[in-house]
Amino acid sequence: MNPQLLNDLVTFQMPFGKYKGKLICDLPETYLVWFQSKGLPPGKLGELLGTMYEIRLNGLEYLLKPLRNRSL
């Protein structure tokens, strides 16, 4: 896995929709599940949403804590 991808999860903001401006790592699980079922957007945003979905699905949110604390 690309370490930059994990860093992007705690710094990249959702560019549109109901959660515009919210960090990808802070998006509700239901929103990630919805995107996964309807189809992820192309490009970097889709990659980030898909990665965050997998992290939540597997209970790996703790991996983002050190990165999040560093980005504050």
Protein backbone atom coordinates (compact mmCIF):
# COMPACT_ATOMS: atom_id res chain seq x y z
CA MET A 1 0.00 0.00 0.00
CA ASN A 2 1.11 3.51 -0.77
CA PRO A 3 1.83 5.40 2.50
CA GLN A 4 0.83 8.67 0.81
CA LEU A 5 -2.66 7.23 0.29
CA LEU A 6 -3.10 6.83 4.06
CA ASN A 7 -1.88 10.38 4.63
CA ASP A 8 -4.35 11.65 2.03
CA LEU A 9 -7.23 10.04 3.95
CA VAL A 10 -6.58 12.39 6.87
CA THR A 11 -5.97 15.54 4.79
CA PHE A 12 -8.16 15.29 1.65
CA GLN A 13 -11.62 16.87 1.87
CA MET A 14 -14.75 15.63 0.18
CA PRO A 15 -15.15 17.99 -2.82
CA PHE A 16 -18.95 17.79 -3.26
CA GLY A 17 -22.26 16.64 -1.88
CA LYS A 18 -23.76 16.52 1.57
CA TYR A 19 -20.34 16.09 3.20
CA LYS A 20 -18.45 18.68 1.15
CA GLY A 21 -15.42 19.90 3.11
CA LYS A 22 -15.37 16.92 5.47
CA LEU A 23 -12.16 14.88 5.63
CA ILE A 24 -12.40 11.49 3.92
CA CYS A 25 -11.50 9.75 7.19
CA ASP A 26 -14.46 11.47 8.90
CA LEU A 27 -17.12 10.42 6.40
CA PRO A 28 -19.88 8.27 7.91
CA GLU A 29 -19.70 4.56 7.22
CA THR A 30 -23.17 4.61 5.64
CA TYR A 31 -21.93 7.13 3.05
CA LEU A 32 -18.94 4.94 2.20
CA VAL A 33 -21.18 1.87 1.90
CA TRP A 34 -23.52 3.81 -0.39
CA PHE A 35 -20.65 4.85 -2.67
CA GLN A 36 -19.32 1.28 -2.71
CA SER A 37 -22.71 -0.08 -3.77
CA LYS A 38 -23.50 2.64 -6.35
CA GLY A 39 -20.00 2.87 -7.81
CA LEU A 40 -16.99 4.86 -6.74
CA PRO A 41 -16.08 8.01 -8.66
CA PRO A 42 -13.09 7.75 -10.98
CA GLY A 43 -9.61 8.89 -10.05
CA LYS A 44 -8.05 9.75 -6.73
CA LEU A 45 -11.35 10.42 -4.95
CA GLY A 46 -12.65 6.96 -5.81
CA GLU A 47 -9.41 5.40 -4.66
CA LEU A 48 -9.59 7.25 -1.35
CA LEU A 49 -13.25 6.40 -0.76
CA GLY A 50 -12.63 2.74 -1.60
CA THR A 51 -9.63 2.59 0.72
CA MET A 52 -11.55 4.23 3.57
CA TYR A 53 -14.40 1.76 3.01
CA GLU A 54 -11.98 -1.18 3.32
CA ILE A 55 -10.35 0.31 6.43
CA ARG A 56 -13.74 0.68 8.11
CA LEU A 57 -14.92 -2.74 6.94
CA ASN A 58 -11.90 -4.39 8.51
CA GLY A 59 -11.79 -2.30 11.69
CA LEU A 60 -8.44 -0.71 10.89
CA GLU A 61 -9.25 2.93 11.76
CA TYR A 62 -6.53 2.84 14.42
CA LEU A 63 -3.95 2.96 11.60
CA LEU A 64 -5.00 6.52 10.81
CA LYS A 65 -4.73 7.91 14.38
CA PRO A 66 -0.98 8.64 14.31
CA LEU A 67 -1.29 10.26 10.89
CA ARG A 68 -4.26 12.31 11.93
CA ASN A 69 -2.50 13.59 15.04
CA ARG A 70 0.50 14.57 12.92
CA SER A 71 -1.65 16.49 10.43
CA LEU A 72 -3.29 18.69 13.11
